[in-house]
N, C-alpha and C. Protein backbone atom coordinates (compact mmCIF):
# COMPACT_ATOMS: atom_id res chain seq x y z
N MET A 1 -79.39 -49.69 -90.57
CA MET A 1 -78.77 -48.53 -91.18
C MET A 1 -78.39 -47.48 -90.14
N GLU A 2 -79.20 -47.37 -89.10
CA GLU A 2 -78.91 -46.41 -88.03
C GLU A 2 -77.58 -46.74 -87.35
N GLU A 3 -77.30 -48.04 -87.17
CA GLU A 3 -76.03 -48.43 -86.57
C GLU A 3 -74.86 -47.91 -87.39
N GLY A 4 -74.97 -48.02 -88.70
CA GLY A 4 -73.90 -47.55 -89.58
C GLY A 4 -73.65 -46.06 -89.43
N ARG A 5 -74.71 -45.29 -89.34
CA ARG A 5 -74.56 -43.84 -89.16
C ARG A 5 -73.93 -43.51 -87.82
N LYS A 6 -74.35 -44.23 -86.80
CA LYS A 6 -73.78 -43.99 -85.47
C LYS A 6 -72.29 -44.35 -85.45
N LEU A 7 -71.94 -45.46 -86.10
CA LEU A 7 -70.52 -45.85 -86.19
C LEU A 7 -69.72 -44.79 -86.94
N GLN A 8 -70.27 -44.25 -88.00
CA GLN A 8 -69.58 -43.19 -88.75
C GLN A 8 -69.35 -41.96 -87.88
N ARG A 9 -70.35 -41.60 -87.09
CA ARG A 9 -70.20 -40.45 -86.19
C ARG A 9 -69.08 -40.71 -85.18
N ILE A 10 -69.03 -41.93 -84.65
CA ILE A 10 -68.00 -42.28 -83.67
C ILE A 10 -66.62 -42.19 -84.31
N THR A 11 -66.49 -42.71 -85.54
CA THR A 11 -65.16 -42.68 -86.18
C THR A 11 -64.71 -41.26 -86.48
N ARG A 12 -65.63 -40.34 -86.63
CA ARG A 12 -65.27 -38.94 -86.88
C ARG A 12 -64.96 -38.17 -85.61
N SER A 13 -65.55 -38.59 -84.49
CA SER A 13 -65.44 -37.78 -83.28
C SER A 13 -64.71 -38.44 -82.12
N ALA A 14 -64.42 -39.73 -82.21
CA ALA A 14 -63.80 -40.43 -81.08
C ALA A 14 -62.42 -39.87 -80.79
N LYS A 15 -62.18 -39.54 -79.54
CA LYS A 15 -60.87 -39.06 -79.12
C LYS A 15 -60.01 -40.20 -78.58
N ASP A 16 -60.65 -41.28 -78.17
CA ASP A 16 -59.93 -42.42 -77.63
C ASP A 16 -59.54 -43.36 -78.78
N PRO A 17 -58.24 -43.65 -78.94
CA PRO A 17 -57.81 -44.49 -80.06
C PRO A 17 -58.37 -45.91 -80.01
N VAL A 18 -58.61 -46.44 -78.81
CA VAL A 18 -59.16 -47.79 -78.69
C VAL A 18 -60.60 -47.81 -79.22
N LYS A 19 -61.38 -46.85 -78.79
CA LYS A 19 -62.77 -46.76 -79.25
C LYS A 19 -62.82 -46.55 -80.77
N LEU A 20 -61.95 -45.71 -81.28
CA LEU A 20 -61.89 -45.45 -82.72
C LEU A 20 -61.56 -46.73 -83.49
N ARG A 21 -60.54 -47.44 -83.05
CA ARG A 21 -60.13 -48.68 -83.73
C ARG A 21 -61.25 -49.71 -83.70
N ARG A 22 -61.90 -49.86 -82.56
CA ARG A 22 -63.00 -50.83 -82.46
C ARG A 22 -64.16 -50.44 -83.37
N ALA A 23 -64.49 -49.16 -83.42
CA ALA A 23 -65.59 -48.70 -84.27
C ALA A 23 -65.27 -48.96 -85.74
N ILE A 24 -64.04 -48.73 -86.14
CA ILE A 24 -63.65 -48.96 -87.53
C ILE A 24 -63.74 -50.44 -87.87
N VAL A 25 -63.29 -51.31 -86.96
CA VAL A 25 -63.38 -52.76 -87.18
C VAL A 25 -64.83 -53.18 -87.38
N VAL A 26 -65.72 -52.72 -86.51
CA VAL A 26 -67.14 -53.08 -86.61
C VAL A 26 -67.74 -52.53 -87.90
N MET A 27 -67.39 -51.30 -88.24
CA MET A 27 -67.93 -50.69 -89.45
C MET A 27 -67.46 -51.45 -90.69
N MET A 28 -66.19 -51.82 -90.73
CA MET A 28 -65.67 -52.57 -91.88
C MET A 28 -66.36 -53.92 -91.99
N SER A 29 -66.58 -54.57 -90.87
CA SER A 29 -67.26 -55.86 -90.87
C SER A 29 -68.69 -55.70 -91.40
N GLY A 30 -69.35 -54.65 -90.96
CA GLY A 30 -70.71 -54.38 -91.41
C GLY A 30 -70.80 -54.07 -92.90
N GLN A 31 -69.69 -53.61 -93.45
CA GLN A 31 -69.64 -53.31 -94.88
C GLN A 31 -69.24 -54.53 -95.71
N GLY A 32 -69.08 -55.67 -95.03
CA GLY A 32 -68.80 -56.91 -95.74
C GLY A 32 -67.34 -57.27 -95.88
N GLN A 33 -66.46 -56.52 -95.23
CA GLN A 33 -65.03 -56.85 -95.28
C GLN A 33 -64.78 -58.14 -94.51
N SER A 34 -63.89 -58.96 -95.01
CA SER A 34 -63.57 -60.22 -94.34
C SER A 34 -62.60 -59.95 -93.18
N VAL A 35 -62.53 -60.90 -92.26
CA VAL A 35 -61.61 -60.76 -91.12
C VAL A 35 -60.17 -60.60 -91.62
N PRO A 36 -59.69 -61.42 -92.57
CA PRO A 36 -58.32 -61.22 -93.05
C PRO A 36 -58.09 -59.84 -93.66
N ASP A 37 -59.08 -59.32 -94.38
CA ASP A 37 -58.94 -57.97 -94.95
C ASP A 37 -58.84 -56.92 -93.85
N ILE A 38 -59.68 -57.05 -92.83
CA ILE A 38 -59.67 -56.08 -91.73
C ILE A 38 -58.35 -56.15 -90.98
N THR A 39 -57.86 -57.36 -90.71
CA THR A 39 -56.59 -57.49 -89.98
C THR A 39 -55.45 -56.88 -90.77
N SER A 40 -55.47 -57.06 -92.07
CA SER A 40 -54.41 -56.51 -92.91
C SER A 40 -54.45 -54.99 -92.93
N LEU A 41 -55.63 -54.42 -93.10
CA LEU A 41 -55.76 -52.97 -93.17
C LEU A 41 -55.52 -52.29 -91.82
N MET A 42 -55.98 -52.92 -90.74
CA MET A 42 -55.90 -52.31 -89.41
C MET A 42 -54.64 -52.70 -88.65
N GLN A 43 -53.89 -53.66 -89.18
CA GLN A 43 -52.67 -54.13 -88.52
C GLN A 43 -52.95 -54.65 -87.10
N VAL A 44 -53.97 -55.49 -87.00
CA VAL A 44 -54.34 -56.14 -85.74
C VAL A 44 -54.49 -57.64 -86.01
N SER A 45 -54.62 -58.43 -84.95
CA SER A 45 -54.73 -59.88 -85.10
C SER A 45 -56.15 -60.31 -85.46
N ASP A 46 -56.24 -61.52 -86.02
CA ASP A 46 -57.55 -62.11 -86.30
C ASP A 46 -58.38 -62.20 -85.03
N ASP A 47 -57.73 -62.62 -83.94
CA ASP A 47 -58.44 -62.76 -82.66
C ASP A 47 -59.01 -61.43 -82.20
N TYR A 48 -58.24 -60.35 -82.36
CA TYR A 48 -58.73 -59.03 -81.96
C TYR A 48 -59.99 -58.67 -82.73
N VAL A 49 -59.95 -58.85 -84.05
CA VAL A 49 -61.11 -58.51 -84.89
C VAL A 49 -62.32 -59.34 -84.48
N ARG A 50 -62.13 -60.63 -84.31
CA ARG A 50 -63.26 -61.50 -83.93
C ARG A 50 -63.80 -61.12 -82.55
N ASP A 51 -62.90 -60.84 -81.61
CA ASP A 51 -63.33 -60.46 -80.26
C ASP A 51 -64.16 -59.17 -80.29
N VAL A 52 -63.70 -58.19 -81.06
CA VAL A 52 -64.42 -56.91 -81.15
C VAL A 52 -65.80 -57.12 -81.76
N ILE A 53 -65.87 -57.90 -82.84
CA ILE A 53 -67.15 -58.14 -83.51
C ILE A 53 -68.11 -58.90 -82.60
N HIS A 54 -67.62 -59.94 -81.93
CA HIS A 54 -68.48 -60.72 -81.02
C HIS A 54 -68.96 -59.84 -79.86
N ALA A 55 -68.06 -59.04 -79.30
CA ALA A 55 -68.45 -58.17 -78.19
C ALA A 55 -69.51 -57.16 -78.64
N PHE A 56 -69.34 -56.61 -79.84
CA PHE A 56 -70.33 -55.66 -80.35
C PHE A 56 -71.67 -56.33 -80.56
N ASN A 57 -71.66 -57.54 -81.07
CA ASN A 57 -72.92 -58.27 -81.29
C ASN A 57 -73.63 -58.57 -79.97
N GLU A 58 -72.86 -58.79 -78.91
CA GLU A 58 -73.44 -59.10 -77.60
C GLU A 58 -73.85 -57.85 -76.82
N LYS A 59 -72.99 -56.83 -76.82
CA LYS A 59 -73.19 -55.68 -75.94
C LYS A 59 -73.57 -54.40 -76.67
N GLY A 60 -73.52 -54.41 -77.98
CA GLY A 60 -73.81 -53.20 -78.73
C GLY A 60 -72.71 -52.16 -78.60
N PHE A 61 -73.09 -50.90 -78.61
CA PHE A 61 -72.12 -49.81 -78.62
C PHE A 61 -71.29 -49.73 -77.34
N ASP A 62 -71.77 -50.30 -76.24
CA ASP A 62 -70.98 -50.33 -75.01
C ASP A 62 -69.68 -51.09 -75.20
N ALA A 63 -69.66 -52.03 -76.13
CA ALA A 63 -68.46 -52.83 -76.37
C ALA A 63 -67.33 -52.01 -76.99
N LEU A 64 -67.63 -50.84 -77.50
CA LEU A 64 -66.59 -50.01 -78.11
C LEU A 64 -65.77 -49.26 -77.07
N ASP A 65 -66.34 -49.03 -75.90
CA ASP A 65 -65.66 -48.27 -74.86
C ASP A 65 -64.58 -49.11 -74.20
N PRO A 66 -63.38 -48.52 -74.02
CA PRO A 66 -62.32 -49.25 -73.31
C PRO A 66 -62.66 -49.37 -71.83
N LYS A 67 -62.28 -50.47 -71.26
CA LYS A 67 -62.49 -50.69 -69.82
C LYS A 67 -61.15 -50.49 -69.12
N TRP A 68 -61.11 -49.51 -68.26
CA TRP A 68 -59.86 -49.20 -67.56
C TRP A 68 -59.73 -50.09 -66.34
N ASN A 69 -58.57 -50.71 -66.18
CA ASN A 69 -58.28 -51.56 -65.02
C ASN A 69 -57.27 -50.83 -64.16
N GLY A 70 -57.76 -50.06 -63.21
CA GLY A 70 -56.78 -49.35 -62.42
C GLY A 70 -57.37 -48.66 -61.24
């Protein structure tokens, strides 16, 4: 339950659109939304949704942060 509250805080305060989108995907998944439903609502690919969920399961909240290559 604590994860859900933390995700809600992130979705309200995130200034980075990548972090916000990832947090919403994880939150929707945690609420029982299917991958096809999430892809339809978020306008992203199935692979993106699965990658975000798998990364979150492996790395936790660190997986929400974008990694800058530059």
